[in-house]
Protein backbone atom coordinates (compact mmCIF):
# COMPACT_ATOMS: atom_id res chain seq x y z
CA MET A 1 -5.00 29.48 23.95
CA PRO A 2 -2.67 26.43 24.09
CA GLU A 3 -1.24 25.08 20.87
CA MET A 4 -3.15 22.14 19.43
CA LEU A 5 -0.13 21.41 17.23
CA LYS A 6 3.39 21.99 18.55
CA GLN A 7 5.21 24.61 16.46
CA HIS A 8 8.86 24.65 15.41
CA THR A 9 10.86 26.94 13.13
CA LEU A 10 12.95 25.17 10.51
CA VAL A 11 15.88 27.63 10.47
CA LYS A 12 16.21 27.43 14.27
CA LEU A 13 16.47 23.66 14.42
CA SER A 14 19.78 22.00 15.18
CA THR A 15 20.85 19.03 13.10
CA GLN A 16 19.80 16.71 15.92
CA GLU A 17 16.40 18.41 16.33
CA LEU A 18 15.79 18.18 12.59
CA SER A 19 16.70 14.50 12.63
CA THR A 20 14.28 13.91 15.49
CA LEU A 21 11.39 15.55 13.64
CA LEU A 22 12.09 13.41 10.58
CA GLN A 23 11.84 10.21 12.60
CA ARG A 24 8.65 8.25 13.15
CA PRO A 25 7.72 6.86 16.56
CA LYS A 26 9.81 3.77 17.14
CA MET A 27 7.99 0.45 16.97
CA ASP A 28 9.33 -2.25 19.27
CA PHE A 29 9.36 -5.05 16.72
CA GLU A 30 11.43 -7.31 18.98
CA ALA A 31 8.57 -7.46 21.48
CA ILE A 32 5.92 -7.67 18.77
CA PHE A 33 7.72 -10.53 17.01
CA THR A 34 7.76 -12.44 20.29
CA ILE A 35 3.97 -12.16 20.51
CA VAL A 36 3.32 -12.92 16.85
CA LYS A 37 5.68 -15.88 16.46
CA PRO A 38 3.58 -18.46 18.37
CA VAL A 39 0.48 -17.31 16.47
CA LEU A 40 2.16 -18.00 13.13
CA GLU A 41 3.62 -21.31 14.27
CA ARG A 42 0.33 -22.66 15.60
CA VAL A 43 -1.58 -21.71 12.45
CA ALA A 44 1.12 -23.22 10.23
CA GLU A 45 0.93 -26.46 12.24
CA GLN A 46 -2.80 -26.80 12.92
CA GLY A 47 -4.59 -24.71 10.30
CA ASP A 48 -8.23 -23.77 10.90
CA PRO A 49 -8.41 -24.87 14.55
CA ALA A 50 -5.54 -22.53 15.36
CA VAL A 51 -7.19 -19.61 13.54
CA ILE A 52 -10.38 -20.26 15.50
CA HIS A 53 -8.39 -20.48 18.73
CA TRP A 54 -6.62 -17.15 18.18
CA ASN A 55 -9.82 -15.45 16.99
CA THR A 56 -11.49 -16.45 20.23
CA GLN A 57 -8.52 -15.45 22.38
CA PHE A 58 -7.89 -12.06 20.77
CA ASP A 59 -11.39 -11.03 19.68
CA GLY A 60 -13.59 -12.97 22.08
CA GLN A 61 -15.39 -14.86 19.31
CA SER A 62 -14.88 -16.73 16.07
CA ALA A 63 -17.06 -16.94 13.00
CA ASN A 64 -18.64 -20.19 11.83
CA PRO A 65 -17.97 -21.01 9.07
CA LEU A 66 -14.50 -19.53 9.08
CA VAL A 67 -14.39 -19.26 5.28
CA SER A 68 -17.31 -18.69 2.94
CA ASN A 69 -18.18 -17.89 -0.65
CA PRO A 70 -19.20 -14.22 -0.95
CA ALA A 71 -22.32 -15.26 -2.87
CA THR A 72 -23.71 -16.92 0.26
CA GLU A 73 -23.23 -13.86 2.47
CA ASN A 74 -25.68 -11.08 3.24
CA ALA A 75 -25.05 -7.83 1.38
CA SER A 76 -28.19 -6.00 2.38
CA LEU A 77 -27.53 -2.27 2.10
CA SER A 78 -29.51 0.92 1.61
CA ALA A 79 -29.77 2.26 -1.92
CA SER A 80 -27.68 5.32 -1.02
CA VAL A 81 -24.80 3.26 0.37
CA LYS A 82 -24.85 0.94 -2.65
CA GLN A 83 -24.80 3.94 -4.98
CA ALA A 84 -21.84 5.47 -3.13
CA ILE A 85 -19.91 2.20 -3.37
CA ASP A 86 -20.83 1.85 -7.05
CA VAL A 87 -19.49 5.35 -7.87
CA ALA A 88 -16.25 4.79 -5.98
CA PHE A 89 -15.89 1.28 -7.45
CA ALA A 90 -16.29 2.64 -11.00
CA ASN A 91 -13.69 5.39 -10.49
CA ILE A 92 -11.15 3.03 -8.95
CA GLU A 93 -11.75 0.46 -11.68
CA ARG A 94 -11.41 3.07 -14.44
CA PHE A 95 -8.07 4.35 -13.13
CA HIS A 96 -6.62 0.88 -12.61
CA ARG A 97 -7.83 -0.48 -15.98
CA ALA A 98 -5.98 2.41 -17.61
CA GLN A 99 -2.78 0.92 -16.15
CA VAL A 100 -3.06 -2.26 -18.24
CA GLN A 101 0.05 -2.50 -20.41
CA PRO A 102 0.14 -4.36 -23.75
CA PRO A 103 2.99 -6.80 -24.39
CA LEU A 104 6.26 -5.04 -25.19
CA GLN A 105 8.26 -6.20 -28.23
CA VAL A 106 11.65 -4.77 -29.23
CA GLU A 107 14.06 -5.92 -31.94
CA THR A 108 17.33 -5.06 -30.20
CA MET A 109 19.32 -5.86 -33.35
CA PRO A 110 18.36 -7.52 -36.65
CA GLY A 111 16.99 -10.98 -35.94
CA VAL A 112 17.00 -10.58 -32.12
CA VAL A 113 13.50 -10.00 -30.74
CA CYS A 114 12.91 -9.41 -27.00
CA GLU A 115 9.47 -9.25 -25.40
CA LYS A 116 7.89 -8.57 -22.02
CA HIS A 117 4.57 -10.12 -20.97
CA THR A 118 2.60 -9.74 -17.74
CA ARG A 119 0.50 -12.30 -15.91
CA GLY A 120 -1.69 -11.92 -12.86
CA ILE A 121 -0.26 -13.39 -9.68
CA GLU A 122 -2.01 -16.74 -9.30
CA SER A 123 -3.28 -16.37 -5.72
CA VAL A 124 -3.47 -13.24 -3.56
CA GLY A 125 -4.51 -12.50 0.01
CA LEU A 126 -6.21 -9.18 0.69
CA TYR A 127 -6.28 -7.99 4.29
CA VAL A 128 -8.96 -5.47 5.23
CA PRO A 129 -8.60 -4.18 8.81
CA GLY A 130 -11.53 -4.02 11.22
CA GLY A 131 -11.45 -3.13 14.87
CA THR A 132 -12.20 0.56 15.43
CA ALA A 133 -13.92 0.95 12.03
CA ILE A 134 -15.01 -1.08 9.03
CA LEU A 135 -13.06 -0.22 5.90
CA PRO A 136 -14.97 -0.97 2.70
CA SER A 137 -12.68 1.52 0.97
CA THR A 138 -9.69 -0.76 1.57
CA ALA A 139 -11.69 -3.71 0.25
CA MET A 140 -12.16 -1.82 -3.02
CA MET A 141 -8.55 -0.67 -3.22
CA LEU A 142 -7.33 -4.28 -3.06
CA ALA A 143 -10.11 -6.30 -4.68
CA ILE A 144 -10.51 -4.17 -7.81
CA PRO A 145 -6.89 -4.30 -9.10
CA ALA A 146 -6.75 -8.01 -8.20
CA MET A 147 -9.82 -8.52 -10.38
CA ILE A 148 -8.38 -6.51 -13.27
CA ALA A 149 -5.01 -8.27 -13.05
CA GLY A 150 -6.73 -11.63 -13.41
CA CYS A 151 -5.56 -13.20 -10.14
CA ARG A 152 -7.40 -16.53 -10.10
CA THR A 153 -7.68 -17.00 -6.35
CA ARG A 154 -8.56 -13.94 -4.31
CA VAL A 155 -8.91 -14.37 -0.57
CA LEU A 156 -10.27 -11.41 1.35
CA ALA A 157 -9.68 -11.53 5.11
CA SER A 158 -11.30 -9.21 7.61
CA PRO A 159 -12.26 -9.55 11.28
CA PRO A 160 -16.00 -10.18 11.72
CA GLY A 161 -18.28 -8.22 13.98
CA PRO A 162 -19.66 -9.43 17.34
CA ASP A 163 -22.32 -11.41 15.44
CA GLY A 164 -19.62 -13.34 13.58
CA MET A 165 -20.56 -11.69 10.28
CA LEU A 166 -18.65 -9.40 7.96
CA ALA A 167 -19.99 -5.93 7.29
CA PRO A 168 -22.47 -5.99 4.38
CA GLU A 169 -20.46 -3.22 2.66
CA ILE A 170 -17.43 -5.50 2.47
CA VAL A 171 -19.54 -8.44 1.31
CA TYR A 172 -21.14 -6.33 -1.43
CA ILE A 173 -17.73 -5.23 -2.69
CA ALA A 174 -16.45 -8.81 -2.55
CA GLN A 175 -19.39 -9.89 -4.69
CA LYS A 176 -18.84 -7.10 -7.23
CA ALA A 177 -15.10 -7.79 -7.48
CA GLY A 178 -15.32 -11.56 -7.77
CA ILE A 179 -13.60 -12.45 -4.50
CA THR A 180 -13.33 -16.24 -4.34
CA HIS A 181 -12.98 -16.73 -0.56
CA LEU A 182 -14.01 -14.67 2.46
CA LEU A 183 -11.91 -15.36 5.54
CA LYS A 184 -13.61 -14.10 8.69
CA ALA A 185 -10.51 -13.48 10.74
CA GLY A 186 -8.16 -10.63 11.51
CA GLY A 187 -4.76 -10.05 13.03
CA ALA A 188 -1.66 -12.17 12.69
CA GLN A 189 -3.75 -15.35 12.51
CA ALA A 190 -5.41 -14.20 9.28
CA ILE A 191 -2.04 -13.36 7.74
CA ALA A 192 -0.71 -16.77 8.77
CA ALA A 193 -3.75 -18.58 7.35
CA MET A 194 -3.30 -16.98 3.95
CA ALA A 195 0.48 -17.33 3.94
CA TYR A 196 0.63 -21.02 4.89
CA GLY A 197 -2.81 -22.18 3.81
CA THR A 198 -5.21 -24.13 6.02
CA GLN A 199 -7.92 -26.75 5.57
CA SER A 200 -10.28 -24.07 4.23
CA VAL A 201 -8.01 -21.17 3.28
CA PRO A 202 -6.04 -21.45 0.02
CA LYS A 203 -2.34 -20.63 0.32
CA VAL A 204 -1.60 -17.33 -1.42
CA ASP A 205 1.48 -16.12 -3.26
CA LYS A 206 1.31 -12.48 -2.17
CA LEU A 207 -0.26 -10.59 0.72
CA PHE A 208 -1.73 -7.10 0.49
CA GLY A 209 -3.27 -4.61 2.85
CA PRO A 210 -2.66 -2.36 5.85
CA GLY A 211 -3.04 -3.36 9.47
CA ASN A 212 -1.90 -2.75 13.01
CA GLN A 213 1.59 -3.48 14.30
CA TYR A 214 0.80 -7.18 14.76
CA VAL A 215 -0.44 -7.53 11.18
CA THR A 216 2.61 -5.67 9.92
CA ALA A 217 4.94 -7.87 11.95
CA ALA A 218 3.16 -11.01 10.74
CA LYS A 219 3.55 -9.95 7.11
CA MET A 220 7.23 -9.24 7.61
CA MET A 221 7.80 -12.58 9.35
CA VAL A 222 5.97 -14.82 6.86
CA GLN A 223 7.85 -13.15 4.02
CA GLN A 224 11.07 -14.40 5.60
CA SER A 225 9.70 -17.88 6.36
CA GLU A 226 9.29 -21.13 4.46
CA ALA A 227 5.81 -19.96 3.42
CA GLN A 228 7.26 -18.56 0.18
CA VAL A 229 4.99 -15.57 0.12
CA SER A 230 5.69 -11.95 -0.76
CA ILE A 231 4.07 -8.79 0.60
CA ASP A 232 3.04 -5.49 -0.91
CA MET A 233 5.20 -3.28 1.32
CA PRO A 234 6.18 -2.63 4.93
CA ALA A 235 3.74 -0.31 6.65
CA GLY A 236 3.49 1.75 9.79
CA PRO A 237 0.88 4.16 11.20
CA SER A 238 -0.97 6.29 8.67
CA GLU A 239 0.31 9.82 8.08
CA VAL A 240 -0.23 13.10 6.24
CA LEU A 241 2.06 16.05 5.54
CA ILE A 242 0.48 19.32 4.43
CA ILE A 243 2.30 22.25 2.84
CA ALA A 244 0.33 25.49 3.15
CA ASP A 245 1.01 29.09 2.18
CA GLY A 246 -0.94 32.32 2.64
CA HIS A 247 -3.53 31.27 0.05
CA ALA A 248 -4.59 28.22 2.08
CA ARG A 249 -7.76 28.46 4.16
CA PRO A 250 -6.98 27.48 7.77
CA ASP A 251 -10.32 25.68 8.12
CA PHE A 252 -9.50 23.48 5.10
CA VAL A 253 -6.06 22.70 6.47
CA ALA A 254 -7.42 21.92 9.94
CA ALA A 255 -10.01 19.55 8.48
CA ASP A 256 -7.31 17.72 6.51
CA LEU A 257 -5.06 17.39 9.56
CA LEU A 258 -7.91 16.01 11.66
CA SER A 259 -9.06 13.60 8.95
CA GLN A 260 -5.72 11.88 9.35
CA ALA A 261 -5.46 12.25 13.12
CA GLU A 262 -8.72 10.38 13.65
CA HIS A 263 -7.23 7.21 12.14
CA GLY A 264 -5.50 6.36 15.41
CA VAL A 265 -3.42 7.65 18.29
CA ASP A 266 -0.22 6.76 16.43
CA SER A 267 -1.17 8.60 13.23
CA GLN A 268 1.38 11.17 12.07
CA VAL A 269 0.15 14.68 11.29
CA VAL A 270 2.62 17.26 9.97
CA LEU A 271 2.05 20.82 8.78
CA LEU A 272 4.69 22.83 6.93
CA PHE A 273 3.72 26.48 6.51
CA THR A 274 5.23 29.59 5.02
CA PRO A 275 5.36 32.89 7.00
CA ASP A 276 2.20 34.24 5.35
CA PHE A 277 0.00 31.35 6.49
CA ALA A 278 -2.48 32.15 9.29
CA ILE A 279 -1.10 29.69 11.85
CA GLU A 280 -2.94 31.16 14.85
CA GLU A 281 -6.26 30.83 13.04
CA LEU A 282 -5.30 27.26 12.17
CA GLN A 283 -4.80 26.47 15.88
CA ARG A 284 -8.26 27.88 16.66
CA GLU A 285 -9.83 25.86 13.83
CA LEU A 286 -8.20 22.68 15.08
CA ALA A 287 -9.62 23.20 18.57
CA GLY A 288 -13.10 23.99 17.28
CA GLN A 289 -13.33 21.18 14.74
CA LEU A 290 -11.80 18.66 17.14
CA ASN A 291 -14.58 19.21 19.68
CA ASP A 292 -17.19 18.07 17.15
CA LEU A 293 -15.51 14.77 16.27
CA PRO A 294 -16.86 11.44 17.57
CA ARG A 295 -13.25 10.20 17.66
CA LYS A 296 -12.08 13.30 19.51
CA GLN A 297 -9.92 11.47 22.05
CA MET A 298 -8.07 9.49 19.40
CA ALA A 299 -7.48 12.53 17.20
CA SER A 300 -6.35 14.63 20.15
CA LYS A 301 -3.69 12.10 21.13
CA ALA A 302 -2.44 11.94 17.55
CA LEU A 303 -2.10 15.74 17.48
CA GLN A 304 -0.06 15.65 20.68
CA ASN A 305 2.54 13.54 18.92
CA SER A 306 2.55 15.67 15.76
CA PHE A 307 3.93 19.08 14.83
CA ALA A 308 3.82 22.20 12.66
CA LEU A 309 7.00 23.58 11.12
CA SER A 310 7.48 27.17 10.01
CA CYS A 311 9.48 27.28 6.76
CA MET A 312 11.16 30.27 5.15
CA ASP A 313 9.63 29.53 1.76
CA LEU A 314 8.01 26.85 -0.37
CA SER A 315 11.36 25.47 -1.50
CA SER A 316 12.53 24.68 2.04
CA ALA A 317 9.16 23.10 2.81
CA LEU A 318 9.45 20.82 -0.22
CA ASP A 319 12.98 19.90 0.79
CA PHE A 320 11.81 18.85 4.27
CA SER A 321 8.92 16.92 2.76
CA ASN A 322 11.27 14.95 0.51
CA GLN A 323 13.36 14.04 3.53
CA TYR A 324 10.26 13.00 5.47
CA ALA A 325 8.78 10.98 2.53
CA PRO A 326 5.14 11.10 3.67
CA GLU A 327 2.41 8.61 2.88
CA HIS A 328 0.01 11.42 1.92
CA LEU A 329 1.24 14.82 0.76
CA ILE A 330 -1.23 17.71 0.41
CA ILE A 331 0.04 20.80 -1.44
CA ASN A 332 -2.36 23.62 -0.54
CA VAL A 333 -0.58 26.61 -2.09
CA ARG A 334 -1.27 29.23 -4.73
CA GLU A 335 0.14 27.31 -7.73
CA PRO A 336 0.33 23.68 -6.60
CA GLU A 337 1.03 22.22 -10.04
CA LYS A 338 4.39 24.01 -10.16
CA THR A 339 5.60 22.06 -7.13
CA LEU A 340 5.17 18.62 -8.71
CA PRO A 341 8.61 18.45 -10.40
CA SER A 342 10.22 19.08 -6.99
CA ILE A 343 8.37 16.25 -5.23
CA GLN A 344 10.57 13.16 -5.10
CA HIS A 345 9.24 11.03 -2.25
CA ALA A 346 5.55 10.67 -1.43
CA GLY A 347 3.02 7.86 -1.50
CA SER A 348 0.22 9.94 -3.01
CA VAL A 349 0.04 13.68 -3.75
CA PHE A 350 -3.03 15.92 -3.46
CA LEU A 351 -2.76 19.21 -5.34
CA GLY A 352 -4.78 22.32 -4.53
CA ALA A 353 -7.35 23.64 -2.09
CA TYR A 354 -10.16 21.40 -3.32
CA THR A 355 -8.29 18.08 -3.18
CA PRO A 356 -8.60 16.71 0.36
CA GLU A 357 -6.83 13.47 1.15
CA SER A 358 -10.26 11.96 1.83
CA VAL A 359 -11.04 11.75 -1.89
CA GLY A 360 -8.03 9.53 -2.46
CA ASP A 361 -9.05 7.40 0.50
CA TYR A 362 -12.42 6.67 -1.01
CA ALA A 363 -13.37 7.58 -4.51
CA SER A 364 -11.11 9.64 -6.80
CA GLY A 365 -9.72 6.47 -8.37
CA THR A 366 -6.16 6.29 -7.07
CA ASN A 367 -5.19 3.58 -4.61
CA HIS A 368 -4.99 4.39 -0.91
CA THR A 369 -2.76 1.44 0.06
CA LEU A 370 0.46 3.42 0.37
CA PRO A 371 3.95 3.23 1.90
CA THR A 372 4.23 4.79 5.35
CA TYR A 373 6.99 5.25 7.92
CA GLY A 374 9.31 6.84 5.32
CA TYR A 375 9.14 3.86 2.96
CA ALA A 376 7.89 6.18 0.20
CA ARG A 377 11.59 6.75 -0.48
CA MET A 378 11.83 3.28 -2.04
CA TYR A 379 8.31 1.81 -2.35
CA SER A 380 5.36 2.72 -4.54
CA GLY A 381 1.77 2.49 -3.41
CA VAL A 382 -0.33 -0.45 -4.53
CA HIS A 383 -1.22 -0.29 -8.22
CA LEU A 384 -2.21 -2.74 -10.94
CA ALA A 385 1.34 -4.00 -11.47
CA SER A 386 1.49 -4.94 -7.77
CA PHE A 387 -0.85 -7.81 -8.63
CA GLN A 388 1.13 -8.87 -11.67
CA LYS A 389 4.47 -10.39 -12.46
CA SER A 390 6.28 -10.05 -15.74
CA MET A 391 8.30 -12.47 -17.81
CA THR A 392 10.64 -11.78 -20.69
CA VAL A 393 10.70 -13.71 -23.94
CA GLN A 394 13.34 -13.76 -26.65
CA GLN A 395 13.47 -15.34 -30.06
CA LEU A 396 16.41 -15.28 -32.47
CA SER A 397 16.50 -16.07 -36.15
CA ALA A 398 19.61 -17.60 -37.66
CA THR A 399 20.66 -14.11 -38.70
CA GLY A 400 20.03 -12.85 -35.18
CA LEU A 401 22.31 -15.49 -33.66
CA GLN A 402 25.01 -14.69 -36.19
CA ASN A 403 24.72 -11.01 -35.22
CA VAL A 404 24.80 -11.36 -31.44
CA GLY A 405 26.57 -14.72 -31.08
CA PRO A 406 30.19 -13.50 -31.29
CA THR A 407 29.47 -10.99 -28.50
CA VAL A 408 28.14 -13.78 -26.28
CA GLU A 409 31.14 -16.00 -27.05
CA ILE A 410 33.61 -13.31 -25.98
CA LEU A 411 31.73 -12.41 -22.78
CA ALA A 412 31.19 -16.05 -21.77
CA GLU A 413 34.86 -16.80 -22.30
CA ARG A 414 35.86 -13.82 -20.19
CA GLU A 415 33.68 -15.19 -17.37
CA GLY A 416 35.21 -18.64 -17.69
CA LEU A 417 31.90 -20.29 -18.63
CA GLN A 418 32.91 -22.48 -21.52
CA ALA A 419 29.60 -24.32 -21.79
CA HIS A 420 27.82 -21.01 -22.25
CA LYS A 421 30.16 -20.20 -25.12
CA ASN A 422 29.77 -23.66 -26.62
CA ALA A 423 25.96 -23.34 -26.72
CA VAL A 424 26.46 -20.46 -29.13
CA SER A 425 29.54 -21.73 -30.97
CA ILE A 426 27.98 -25.08 -31.92
CA ARG A 427 25.07 -23.28 -33.55
CA LEU A 428 27.27 -20.77 -35.35
CA LYS A 429 29.40 -23.64 -36.66
CA HIS A 430 26.26 -25.37 -37.91
CA LEU A 431 25.08 -22.22 -39.66
CA SER A 432 28.48 -21.70 -41.21
CA SER A 433 28.61 -25.25 -42.60
CA THR A 434 25.14 -25.04 -44.10
CA HIS A 435 26.11 -21.94 -46.08
CA GLU A 436 29.36 -23.27 -47.47
């Protein structure tokens, strides 16, 4: 039976071979930027007419109206679907509300009080991909923390269906989460509309959400433009890395690998296994489960570009994982909790045999908008603070200035900033004269 997942042995890899396995498929951003640039420029110049133009050119149709209030949209759903959304919504809301931080106040020395306060980002754009599948889960992952953070303007953009309408699941979530504007557009044109603002789309301060290479390129480009907009993180194709030992059921592992592979042909699927894991049974399970998938062709192509790596022990597997920095990391071993202190770089971690990555995608409560392409080394996934900004506050009493003032005078003088020193000295002189 041919291998469904190419196998390598860690100890036999050369330095170059190891480096190759750690790399993601290269994205040709030069070519993508060339395609995206005129889209951004036309939307920035013309607004809504340009969005409608690009919607028609890329998707074959454009919604009318382009922007609507969620309250006016149809959210007709079966009771079972509504209940499923309600359960997931409640779990996600509960976890993100627990992240609310009270103001911080510290007296760094007598009379010197420093504080930290958070505020919701004023206006945010939430991109929910469409195309091969509707993603109400992503709508929840972005809309719920934006609601909790208190962002006043919340624009949710998603490509409409052939009828020009958004999926009722997304509309229902938008209504529950208090979305203020629904933008029926996808791709780079939707990113441009939110970044620059149009006749009907409010300009946002920060953009969130996953997307294809054109959406990713658009986010990167507007962040560097005069739009003055920030983004949540760079993103590439979705990915999972699984660490399995002899206690892991091959059918569970196969199901987890395929759940990621069916995202798209460029999804990254990696298995690290110890010598006692039943790798041959895993290959059989992959073949059998793959045949039953509606998205079999897509998942099969993703597997062709993925790999399994035999590791001497759990320690070497964890070391490789930290170098790879996966978006999703599943630890399916005998004592998964003991591995947590060794995990340094991962977007989200799933511990144990009964914690498939699917639960994090939909309903456990954690956020599924995560860094991919190795960016987990320096980026966190989306969380409540992603929708907030903080400001510091300080207040000094007369005693506080007398305590810290001389330090400031010396440091300002050393930096050659006399006016900085004077701002302190004039006050200290005043305080000294009033106590004589």
